[in-house]
Amino acid sequence: QVQLVESGGGSVQAGGSLSLSCAASGRTFSNYPMAWFRQAPGEEREFVASTIWSGTSTYYKIYYADSVKGRFTISRDNAKNSVNLQMNSLKPEDTAIYYCAAALFFDSALVADRSRYDYWGQGTQVTVSS
């Protein structure tokens, strides 16, 4: 049984930083995409960032939503079967529940499509006050 368990999150003032972690168990995702999505109240769940194996050696491709580029950094630790999200320069509009996701596809064109992900964490709240 695959499980994704997020940790981190919390409350911070605008301009501050938070770090999220997601540990996977039940299968290894080193060759598959892992990602972060978020969902604000009344909004649809949206793509934040993903990391997917390029198919060559240990190189991973990384993708970000335009709204977080330059502020958020996604990274993965295959030894721990985990993915992290470092969030800097946080804004009130970053307030949302953040979800970790993992999938079993190889096509980089699909990384922002939430319907393509097979496994989801329970979510962790991030609140940014102005």
Foldseek 3Di string as FASTA:
>chain_A
DKAKAKDKADEEAAQAKIKMKIFIDDDAQQQWKKAKWWDDPPGDIWGAKMWHDPPDDNDIDIDGDPVQPPFKDKDADRVRSMIMIIGGRDDQVVWTWMKMFIADDHDPVCRGPPVRTDYIHPTDTHGYHD
